[in-house]
């Protein structure tokens, strides 16, 4: 059985912060993809509501995801998220079943 983990994270920008949130989220893509445990890491913006962004991530294991959360660039985003987010991040974890 695979230990692969999928993470889907929804974020909503404060009014007027849509572009800034996108800039900060997109800055996480390349360093996240470079992590050893990262299978894929993609950022999406809602076509219906430009304030809503979604990260779709696949990780080898829960351990790899834990290491991801400890990375300095992710900690820096977390430390400043209240400046730009209208509500808490909506983080959902899924297991691969096939």
PDB file of N, CA and C in Angstrom:
ATOM      1  N   UNK A   1       0.840  -1.183   0.000  1.00  0.00           N
ATOM      2  CA  UNK A   1       0.000   0.000   0.000  1.00  0.00           C
ATOM      3  C   UNK A   1       0.888   1.251   0.000  1.00  0.00           C
ATOM      4  N   UNK A   2       0.466   2.235  -0.752  1.00  0.00           N
ATOM      5  CA  UNK A   2       1.216   3.475  -0.867  1.00  0.00           C
ATOM      6  C   UNK A   2       1.019   4.356   0.368  1.00  0.00           C
ATOM      7  N   UNK A   3       2.079   5.047   0.746  1.00  0.00           N
ATOM      8  CA  UNK A   3       1.995   6.035   1.819  1.00  0.00           C
ATOM      9  C   UNK A   3       1.772   7.430   1.258  1.00  0.00           C
ATOM     10  N   UNK A   4       1.607   7.495  -0.084  1.00  0.00           N
ATOM     11  CA  UNK A   4       1.470   8.795  -0.731  1.00  0.00           C
ATOM     12  C   UNK A   4       0.323   9.586  -0.125  1.00  0.00           C
ATOM     13  N   UNK A   5       0.565  10.880   0.035  1.00  0.00           N
ATOM     14  CA  UNK A   5      -0.390  11.772   0.663  1.00  0.00           C
ATOM     15  C   UNK A   5      -0.664  12.935  -0.282  1.00  0.00           C
ATOM     16  N   UNK A   6      -1.932  13.257  -0.441  1.00  0.00           N
ATOM     17  CA  UNK A   6      -2.322  14.420  -1.240  1.00  0.00           C
ATOM     18  C   UNK A   6      -2.855  15.481  -0.298  1.00  0.00           C
ATOM     19  N   UNK A   7      -2.417  16.694  -0.527  1.00  0.00           N
ATOM     20  CA  UNK A   7      -2.865  17.827   0.263  1.00  0.00           C
ATOM     21  C   UNK A   7      -3.549  18.812  -0.683  1.00  0.00           C
ATOM     22  N   UNK A   8      -4.739  19.249  -0.301  1.00  0.00           N
ATOM     23  CA  UNK A   8      -5.450  20.288  -1.037  1.00  0.00           C
ATOM     24  C   UNK A   8      -5.674  21.419  -0.037  1.00  0.00           C
ATOM     25  N   UNK A   9      -5.141  22.593  -0.380  1.00  0.00           N
ATOM     26  CA  UNK A   9      -5.191  23.728   0.543  1.00  0.00           C
ATOM     27  C   UNK A   9      -5.875  24.901  -0.154  1.00  0.00           C
ATOM     28  N   UNK A  10      -6.955  25.380   0.445  1.00  0.00           N
ATOM     29  CA  UNK A  10      -7.674  26.538  -0.086  1.00  0.00           C
ATOM     30  C   UNK A  10      -7.322  27.760   0.750  1.00  0.00           C
ATOM     31  N   UNK A  11      -7.091  28.879   0.072  1.00  0.00           N
ATOM     32  CA  UNK A  11      -6.825  30.126   0.774  1.00  0.00           C
ATOM     33  C   UNK A  11      -7.619  31.249   0.115  1.00  0.00           C
ATOM     34  N   UNK A  12      -8.055  32.193   0.926  1.00  0.00           N
ATOM     35  CA  UNK A  12      -8.829  33.341   0.434  1.00  0.00           C
ATOM     36  C   UNK A  12      -8.120  34.624   0.851  1.00  0.00           C
ATOM     37  N   UNK A  13      -7.856  35.465  -0.133  1.00  0.00           N
ATOM     38  CA  UNK A  13      -7.188  36.737   0.119  1.00  0.00           C
ATOM     39  C   UNK A  13      -8.151  37.757   0.710  1.00  0.00           C
ATOM     40  N   UNK A  14      -7.605  38.639   1.523  1.00  0.00           N
ATOM     41  CA  UNK A  14      -8.372  39.797   1.965  1.00  0.00           C
ATOM     42  C   UNK A  14      -8.674  40.652   0.733  1.00  0.00           C
ATOM     43  N   UNK A  15      -9.755  41.427   0.763  1.00  0.00           N
ATOM     44  CA  UNK A  15     -10.061  42.302  -0.368  1.00  0.00           C
ATOM     45  C   UNK A  15      -8.868  43.187  -0.721  1.00  0.00           C
ATOM     46  N   UNK A  16      -8.532  43.219  -1.996  1.00  0.00           N
ATOM     47  CA  UNK A  16      -7.409  44.010  -2.473  1.00  0.00           C
ATOM     48  C   UNK A  16      -6.066  43.319  -2.370  1.00  0.00           C
ATOM     49  N   UNK A  17      -6.023  42.127  -1.759  1.00  0.00           N
ATOM     50  CA  UNK A  17      -4.758  41.400  -1.564  1.00  0.00           C
ATOM     51  C   UNK A  17      -4.640  40.183  -2.482  1.00  0.00           C
ATOM     52  N   UNK A  18      -5.544  40.045  -3.455  1.00  0.00           N
ATOM     53  CA  UNK A  18      -5.566  38.866  -4.323  1.00  0.00           C
ATOM     54  C   UNK A  18      -4.226  38.663  -5.045  1.00  0.00           C
ATOM     55  N   UNK A  19      -3.713  39.752  -5.606  1.00  0.00           N
ATOM     56  CA  UNK A  19      -2.454  39.657  -6.354  1.00  0.00           C
ATOM     57  C   UNK A  19      -1.281  39.355  -5.428  1.00  0.00           C
ATOM     58  N   UNK A  20      -1.253  39.969  -4.268  1.00  0.00           N
ATOM     59  CA  UNK A  20      -0.170  39.739  -3.304  1.00  0.00           C
ATOM     60  C   UNK A  20      -0.188  38.301  -2.797  1.00  0.00           C
ATOM     61  N   UNK A  21      -1.385  37.781  -2.510  1.00  0.00           N
ATOM     62  CA  UNK A  21      -1.469  36.380  -2.073  1.00  0.00           C
ATOM     63  C   UNK A  21      -0.951  35.467  -3.174  1.00  0.00           C
ATOM     64  N   UNK A  22      -1.376  35.719  -4.397  1.00  0.00           N
ATOM     65  CA  UNK A  22      -0.902  34.902  -5.520  1.00  0.00           C
ATOM     66  C   UNK A  22       0.606  34.942  -5.652  1.00  0.00           C
ATOM     67  N   UNK A  23       1.191  36.122  -5.520  1.00  0.00           N
ATOM     68  CA  UNK A  23       2.644  36.270  -5.621  1.00  0.00           C
ATOM     69  C   UNK A  23       3.339  35.435  -4.540  1.00  0.00           C
ATOM     70  N   UNK A  24       2.837  35.524  -3.318  1.00  0.00           N
ATOM     71  CA  UNK A  24       3.458  34.783  -2.213  1.00  0.00           C
ATOM     72  C   UNK A  24       3.279  33.271  -2.369  1.00  0.00           C
ATOM     73  N   UNK A  25       2.099  32.848  -2.816  1.00  0.00           N
ATOM     74  CA  UNK A  25       1.861  31.412  -3.004  1.00  0.00           C
ATOM     75  C   UNK A  25       2.702  30.861  -4.145  1.00  0.00           C
ATOM     76  N   UNK A  26       2.771  31.598  -5.241  1.00  0.00           N
ATOM     77  CA  UNK A  26       3.559  31.133  -6.386  1.00  0.00           C
ATOM     78  C   UNK A  26       5.041  31.042  -6.048  1.00  0.00           C
ATOM     79  N   UNK A  27       5.505  31.858  -5.105  1.00  0.00           N
ATOM     80  CA  UNK A  27       6.904  31.798  -4.674  1.00  0.00           C
ATOM     81  C   UNK A  27       7.218  30.502  -3.923  1.00  0.00           C
ATOM     82  N   UNK A  28       6.188  29.793  -3.466  1.00  0.00           N
ATOM     83  CA  UNK A  28       6.391  28.524  -2.742  1.00  0.00           C
ATOM     84  C   UNK A  28       6.552  27.337  -3.685  1.00  0.00           C
ATOM     85  N   UNK A  29       6.138  27.493  -4.938  1.00  0.00           N
ATOM     86  CA  UNK A  29       6.058  26.355  -5.862  1.00  0.00           C
ATOM     87  C   UNK A  29       7.428  25.731  -6.139  1.00  0.00           C
ATOM     88  N   UNK A  30       8.369  26.508  -6.648  1.00  0.00           N
ATOM     89  CA  UNK A  30       9.659  25.927  -7.045  1.00  0.00           C
ATOM     90  C   UNK A  30      10.431  25.316  -5.883  1.00  0.00           C
ATOM     91  N   UNK A  31      10.568  26.015  -4.737  1.00  0.00           N
ATOM     92  CA  UNK A  31      11.298  25.370  -3.637  1.00  0.00           C
ATOM     93  C   UNK A  31      10.583  24.115  -3.116  1.00  0.00           C
ATOM     94  N   UNK A  32       9.260  24.112  -3.151  1.00  0.00           N
ATOM     95  CA  UNK A  32       8.522  22.928  -2.705  1.00  0.00           C
ATOM     96  C   UNK A  32       8.768  21.764  -3.655  1.00  0.00           C
ATOM     97  N   UNK A  33       8.721  22.043  -4.952  1.00  0.00           N
ATOM     98  CA  UNK A  33       8.974  20.989  -5.941  1.00  0.00           C
ATOM     99  C   UNK A  33      10.373  20.413  -5.828  1.00  0.00           C
ATOM    100  N   UNK A  34      11.311  21.210  -5.332  1.00  0.00           N
ATOM    101  CA  UNK A  34      12.698  20.758  -5.201  1.00  0.00           C
ATOM    102  C   UNK A  34      12.911  19.845  -3.989  1.00  0.00           C
ATOM    103  N   UNK A  35      11.939  19.802  -3.082  1.00  0.00           N
ATOM    104  CA  UNK A  35      12.079  18.941  -1.905  1.00  0.00           C
ATOM    105  C   UNK A  35      12.039  17.479  -2.329  1.00  0.00           C
ATOM    106  N   UNK A  36      12.863  16.678  -1.671  1.00  0.00           N
ATOM    107  CA  UNK A  36      13.014  15.264  -2.033  1.00  0.00           C
ATOM    108  C   UNK A  36      11.690  14.503  -2.003  1.00  0.00           C
ATOM    109  N   UNK A  37      10.832  14.786  -1.025  1.00  0.00           N
ATOM    110  CA  UNK A  37       9.596  14.032  -0.874  1.00  0.00           C
ATOM    111  C   UNK A  37       8.430  14.530  -1.711  1.00  0.00           C
ATOM    112  N   UNK A  38       8.640  15.610  -2.467  1.00  0.00           N
ATOM    113  CA  UNK A  38       7.561  16.190  -3.252  1.00  0.00           C
ATOM    114  C   UNK A  38       7.381  15.441  -4.569  1.00  0.00           C
ATOM    115  N   UNK A  39       6.181  14.965  -4.820  1.00  0.00           N
ATOM    116  CA  UNK A  39       5.836  14.318  -6.094  1.00  0.00           C
ATOM    117  C   UNK A  39       5.330  15.381  -7.064  1.00  0.00           C
ATOM    118  N   UNK A  40       4.445  16.235  -6.593  1.00  0.00           N
ATOM    119  CA  UNK A  40       3.955  17.346  -7.410  1.00  0.00           C
ATOM    120  C   UNK A  40       3.443  18.448  -6.491  1.00  0.00           C
ATOM    121  N   UNK A  41       3.463  19.672  -7.025  1.00  0.00           N
ATOM    122  CA  UNK A  41       3.052  20.836  -6.238  1.00  0.00           C
ATOM    123  C   UNK A  41       2.568  21.880  -7.228  1.00  0.00           C
ATOM    124  N   UNK A  42       1.274  22.109  -7.258  1.00  0.00           N
ATOM    125  CA  UNK A  42       0.691  23.018  -8.241  1.00  0.00           C
ATOM    126  C   UNK A  42      -0.220  24.024  -7.555  1.00  0.00           C
ATOM    127  N   UNK A  43      -0.200  25.253  -8.070  1.00  0.00           N
ATOM    128  CA  UNK A  43      -1.003  26.330  -7.513  1.00  0.00           C
ATOM    129  C   UNK A  43      -2.053  26.739  -8.540  1.00  0.00           C
ATOM    130  N   UNK A  44      -3.282  26.929  -8.073  1.00  0.00           N
ATOM    131  CA  UNK A  44      -4.400  27.281  -8.949  1.00  0.00           C
ATOM    132  C   UNK A  44      -5.133  28.485  -8.375  1.00  0.00           C
ATOM    133  N   UNK A  45      -5.679  29.318  -9.274  1.00  0.00           N
ATOM    134  CA  UNK A  45      -6.521  30.439  -8.868  1.00  0.00           C
ATOM    135  C   UNK A  45      -7.925  30.182  -9.402  1.00  0.00           C
ATOM    136  N   UNK A  46      -8.930  30.424  -8.570  1.00  0.00           N
ATOM    137  CA  UNK A  46     -10.319  30.206  -8.965  1.00  0.00           C
ATOM    138  C   UNK A  46     -10.691  31.070 -10.164  1.00  0.00           C
ATOM    139  N   UNK A  47     -11.384  30.475 -11.111  1.00  0.00           N
ATOM    140  CA  UNK A  47     -11.883  31.219 -12.266  1.00  0.00           C
ATOM    141  C   UNK A  47     -13.108  32.043 -11.882  1.00  0.00           C
ATOM    142  N   UNK A  48     -13.796  31.640 -10.829  1.00  0.00           N
ATOM    143  CA  UNK A  48     -15.014  32.328 -10.398  1.00  0.00           C
ATOM    144  C   UNK A  48     -14.771  33.422  -9.370  1.00  0.00           C
ATOM    145  N   UNK A  49     -13.707  33.261  -8.573  1.00  0.00           N
ATOM    146  CA  UNK A  49     -13.426  34.210  -7.502  1.00  0.00           C
ATOM    147  C   UNK A  49     -11.912  34.381  -7.390  1.00  0.00           C
ATOM    148  N   UNK A  50     -11.361  35.469  -7.923  1.00  0.00           N
ATOM    149  CA  UNK A  50      -9.904  35.636  -7.935  1.00  0.00           C
ATOM    150  C   UNK A  50      -9.263  35.717  -6.552  1.00  0.00           C
ATOM    151  N   UNK A  51     -10.057  35.849  -5.500  1.00  0.00           N
ATOM    152  CA  UNK A  51      -9.508  35.871  -4.145  1.00  0.00           C
ATOM    153  C   UNK A  51      -9.176  34.470  -3.640  1.00  0.00           C
ATOM    154  N   UNK A  52      -9.681  33.442  -4.322  1.00  0.00           N
ATOM    155  CA  UNK A  52      -9.505  32.061  -3.861  1.00  0.00           C
ATOM    156  C   UNK A  52      -8.392  31.366  -4.648  1.00  0.00           C
ATOM    157  N   UNK A  53      -7.466  30.793  -3.896  1.00  0.00           N
ATOM    158  CA  UNK A  53      -6.339  30.035  -4.455  1.00  0.00           C
ATOM    159  C   UNK A  53      -6.382  28.622  -3.875  1.00  0.00           C
ATOM    160  N   UNK A  54      -5.862  27.667  -4.651  1.00  0.00           N
ATOM    161  CA  UNK A  54      -5.809  26.288  -4.198  1.00  0.00           C
ATOM    162  C   UNK A  54      -4.441  25.704  -4.524  1.00  0.00           C
ATOM    163  N   UNK A  55      -3.830  25.113  -3.520  1.00  0.00           N
ATOM    164  CA  UNK A  55      -2.603  24.344  -3.728  1.00  0.00           C
ATOM    165  C   UNK A  55      -2.995  22.876  -3.804  1.00  0.00           C
ATOM    166  N   UNK A  56      -2.469  22.175  -4.813  1.00  0.00           N
ATOM    167  CA  UNK A  56      -2.686  20.736  -4.962  1.00  0.00           C
ATOM    168  C   UNK A  56      -1.308  20.091  -4.898  1.00  0.00           C
ATOM    169  N   UNK A  57      -1.082  19.336  -3.836  1.00  0.00           N
ATOM    170  CA  UNK A  57       0.244  18.794  -3.559  1.00  0.00           C
ATOM    171  C   UNK A  57       0.188  17.279  -3.369  1.00  0.00           C
ATOM    172  N   UNK A  58       1.216  16.597  -3.843  1.00  0.00           N
ATOM    173  CA  UNK A  58       1.366  15.166  -3.593  1.00  0.00           C
ATOM    174  C   UNK A  58       2.731  14.924  -2.979  1.00  0.00           C
ATOM    175  N   UNK A  59       2.723  14.195  -1.867  1.00  0.00           N
ATOM    176  CA  UNK A  59       3.936  13.913  -1.100  1.00  0.00           C
ATOM    177  C   UNK A  59       4.105  12.409  -0.950  1.00  0.00           C
ATOM    178  N   UNK A  60       5.366  11.966  -0.876  1.00  0.00           N
ATOM    179  CA  UNK A  60       5.656  10.529  -0.725  1.00  0.00           C
ATOM    180  C   UNK A  60       5.075   9.959   0.551  1.00  0.00           C
ATOM    181  N   UNK A  61       5.107  10.769   1.629  1.00  0.00           N
ATOM    182  CA  UNK A  61       4.686  10.250   2.931  1.00  0.00           C
ATOM    183  C   UNK A  61       4.339  11.404   3.870  1.00  0.00           C
ATOM    184  N   UNK A  62       3.740  11.043   4.969  1.00  0.00           N
ATOM    185  CA  UNK A  62       3.431  12.011   6.035  1.00  0.00           C
ATOM    186  C   UNK A  62       4.724  12.638   6.558  1.00  0.00           C
ATOM    187  N   UNK A  63       5.790  11.842   6.645  1.00  0.00           N
ATOM    188  CA  UNK A  63       7.073  12.346   7.128  1.00  0.00           C
ATOM    189  C   UNK A  63       7.606  13.434   6.202  1.00  0.00           C
ATOM    190  N   UNK A  64       7.471  13.219   4.881  1.00  0.00           N
ATOM    191  CA  UNK A  64       7.935  14.223   3.922  1.00  0.00           C
ATOM    192  C   UNK A  64       7.124  15.512   4.056  1.00  0.00           C
ATOM    193  N   UNK A  65       5.843  15.383   4.307  1.00  0.00           N
ATOM    194  CA  UNK A  65       4.996  16.560   4.491  1.00  0.00           C
ATOM    195  C   UNK A  65       5.396  17.313   5.765  1.00  0.00           C
ATOM    196  N   UNK A  66       5.706  16.575   6.823  1.00  0.00           N
ATOM    197  CA  UNK A  66       6.158  17.194   8.072  1.00  0.00           C
ATOM    198  C   UNK A  66       7.434  17.996   7.831  1.00  0.00           C
ATOM    199  N   UNK A  67       8.370  17.435   7.073  1.00  0.00           N
ATOM    200  CA  UNK A  67       9.614  18.148   6.743  1.00  0.00           C
ATOM    201  C   UNK A  67       9.307  19.393   5.920  1.00  0.00           C
ATOM    202  N   UNK A  68       8.344  19.292   5.019  1.00  0.00           N
ATOM    203  CA  UNK A  68       7.944  20.433   4.189  1.00  0.00           C
ATOM    204  C   UNK A  68       7.490  21.599   5.070  1.00  0.00           C
ATOM    205  N   UNK A  69       6.671  21.305   6.063  1.00  0.00           N
ATOM    206  CA  UNK A  69       6.142  22.350   6.937  1.00  0.00           C
ATOM    207  C   UNK A  69       7.240  23.027   7.761  1.00  0.00           C
ATOM    208  N   UNK A  70       8.408  22.385   7.881  1.00  0.00           N
ATOM    209  CA  UNK A  70       9.512  22.942   8.653  1.00  0.00           C
ATOM    210  C   UNK A  70      10.448  23.810   7.814  1.00  0.00           C
ATOM    211  N   UNK A  71      10.237  23.856   6.496  1.00  0.00           N
ATOM    212  CA  UNK A  71      11.120  24.628   5.622  1.00  0.00           C
ATOM    213  C   UNK A  71      11.009  26.122   5.927  1.00  0.00           C
ATOM    214  N   UNK A  72      12.141  26.838   5.890  1.00  0.00           N
ATOM    215  CA  UNK A  72      12.132  28.276   6.226  1.00  0.00           C
ATOM    216  C   UNK A  72      11.169  29.095   5.365  1.00  0.00           C
ATOM    217  N   UNK A  73      11.072  28.793   4.082  1.00  0.00           N
ATOM    218  CA  UNK A  73      10.185  29.587   3.213  1.00  0.00           C
ATOM    219  C   UNK A  73       8.716  29.356   3.556  1.00  0.00           C
ATOM    220  N   UNK A  74       8.371  28.163   4.011  1.00  0.00           N
ATOM    221  CA  UNK A  74       6.988  27.905   4.398  1.00  0.00           C
ATOM    222  C   UNK A  74       6.682  28.533   5.763  1.00  0.00           C
ATOM    223  N   UNK A  75       7.658  28.488   6.648  1.00  0.00           N
ATOM    224  CA  UNK A  75       7.495  29.142   7.956  1.00  0.00           C
ATOM    225  C   UNK A  75       7.319  30.650   7.774  1.00  0.00           C
ATOM    226  N   UNK A  76       8.074  31.243   6.846  1.00  0.00           N
ATOM    227  CA  UNK A  76       7.977  32.685   6.590  1.00  0.00           C
ATOM    228  C   UNK A  76       6.585  33.028   6.059  1.00  0.00           C
ATOM    229  N   UNK A  77       6.052  32.175   5.182  1.00  0.00           N
ATOM    230  CA  UNK A  77       4.693  32.403   4.678  1.00  0.00           C
ATOM    231  C   UNK A  77       3.696  32.315   5.836  1.00  0.00           C
ATOM    232  N   UNK A  78       3.837  31.289   6.657  1.00  0.00           N
ATOM    233  CA  UNK A  78       2.917  31.097   7.785  1.00  0.00           C
ATOM    234  C   UNK A  78       2.972  32.280   8.757  1.00  0.00           C
ATOM    235  N   UNK A  79       4.162  32.807   8.980  1.00  0.00           N
ATOM    236  CA  UNK A  79       4.323  33.920   9.926  1.00  0.00           C
ATOM    237  C   UNK A  79       3.645  35.198   9.442  1.00  0.00           C
ATOM    238  N   UNK A  80       3.497  35.355   8.122  1.00  0.00           N
ATOM    239  CA  UNK A  80       2.940  36.598   7.586  1.00  0.00           C
ATOM    240  C   UNK A  80       1.550  36.413   6.971  1.00  0.00           C
ATOM    241  N   UNK A  81       0.989  35.218   7.088  1.00  0.00           N
ATOM    242  CA  UNK A  81      -0.272  34.923   6.392  1.00  0.00           C
ATOM    243  C   UNK A  81      -1.446  35.784   6.860  1.00  0.00           C
ATOM    244  N   UNK A  82      -1.442  36.200   8.114  1.00  0.00           N
ATOM    245  CA  UNK A  82      -2.563  36.985   8.626  1.00  0.00           C
ATOM    246  C   UNK A  82      -2.666  38.361   7.958  1.00  0.00           C
ATOM    247  N   UNK A  83      -1.561  38.821   7.360  1.00  0.00           N
ATOM    248  CA  UNK A  83      -1.576  40.098   6.646  1.00  0.00           C
ATOM    249  C   UNK A  83      -2.450  40.030   5.388  1.00  0.00           C
ATOM    250  N   UNK A  84      -2.525  38.848   4.789  1.00  0.00           N
ATOM    251  CA  UNK A  84      -3.143  38.732   3.459  1.00  0.00           C
ATOM    252  C   UNK A  84      -4.344  37.795   3.392  1.00  0.00           C
ATOM    253  N   UNK A  85      -4.504  36.910   4.374  1.00  0.00           N
ATOM    254  CA  UNK A  85      -5.604  35.945   4.322  1.00  0.00           C
ATOM    255  C   UNK A  85      -6.853  36.485   5.013  1.00  0.00           C
ATOM    256  N   UNK A  86      -7.996  36.290   4.370  1.00  0.00           N
ATOM    257  CA  UNK A  86      -9.279  36.731   4.923  1.00  0.00           C
ATOM    258  C   UNK A  86      -9.811  35.748   5.955  1.00  0.00           C
ATOM    259  N   UNK A  87      -9.330  34.507   5.903  1.00  0.00           N
ATOM    260  CA  UNK A  87      -9.804  33.448   6.804  1.00  0.00           C
ATOM    261  C   UNK A  87      -8.694  32.413   6.935  1.00  0.00           C
ATOM    262  N   UNK A  88      -8.781  31.522   7.920  1.00  0.00           N
ATOM    263  CA  UNK A  88      -7.744  30.491   8.071  1.00  0.00           C
ATOM    264  C   UNK A  88      -7.653  29.609   6.832  1.00  0.00           C
ATOM    265  N   UNK A  89      -6.461  29.068   6.603  1.00  0.00           N
ATOM    266  CA  UNK A  89      -6.271  28.122   5.504  1.00  0.00           C
ATOM    267  C   UNK A  89      -7.180  26.914   5.710  1.00  0.00           C
ATOM    268  N   UNK A  90      -7.737  26.414   4.627  1.00  0.00           N
ATOM    269  CA  UNK A  90      -8.566  25.200   4.652  1.00  0.00           C
ATOM    270  C   UNK A  90      -7.697  24.078   4.100  1.00  0.00           C
ATOM    271  N   UNK A  91      -7.128  23.269   5.000  1.00  0.00           N
ATOM    272  CA  UNK A  91      -6.177  22.221   4.634  1.00  0.00           C
ATOM    273  C   UNK A  91      -6.865  20.866   4.712  1.00  0.00           C
ATOM    274  N   UNK A  92      -6.825  20.133   3.605  1.00  0.00           N
ATOM    275  CA  UNK A  92      -7.447  18.803   3.559  1.00  0.00           C
ATOM    276  C   UNK A  92      -6.428  17.773   3.082  1.00  0.00           C
ATOM    277  N   UNK A  93      -6.336  16.669   3.825  1.00  0.00           N
ATOM    278  CA  UNK A  93      -5.400  15.592   3.494  1.00  0.00           C
ATOM    279  C   UNK A  93      -6.171  14.399   2.928  1.00  0.00           C
ATOM    280  N   UNK A  94      -5.572  13.782   1.917  1.00  0.00           N
ATOM    281  CA  UNK A  94      -6.170  12.604   1.284  1.00  0.00           C
ATOM    282  C   UNK A  94      -5.115  11.513   1.142  1.00  0.00           C
ATOM    283  N   UNK A  95      -5.572  10.250   1.214  1.00  0.00           N
ATOM    284  CA  UNK A  95      -4.717   9.099   0.972  1.00  0.00           C
ATOM    285  C   UNK A  95      -4.990   8.586  -0.435  1.00  0.00           C
ATOM    286  N   UNK A  96      -3.937   8.127  -1.102  1.00  0.00           N
ATOM    287  CA  UNK A  96      -4.079   7.558  -2.439  1.00  0.00           C
ATOM    288  C   UNK A  96      -4.669   6.158  -2.319  1.00  0.00           C
ATOM    289  N   UNK A  97      -5.755   5.911  -3.027  1.00  0.00           N
ATOM    290  CA  UNK A  97      -6.403   4.592  -3.035  1.00  0.00           C
ATOM    291  C   UNK A  97      -6.497   4.145  -4.494  1.00  0.00           C
ATOM    292  N   UNK A  98      -5.799   3.078  -4.815  1.00  0.00           N
ATOM    293  CA  UNK A  98      -5.889   2.568  -6.192  1.00  0.00           C
ATOM    294  C   UNK A  98      -5.529   1.103  -6.240  1.00  0.00           C
TER     295      UNK A  98
END
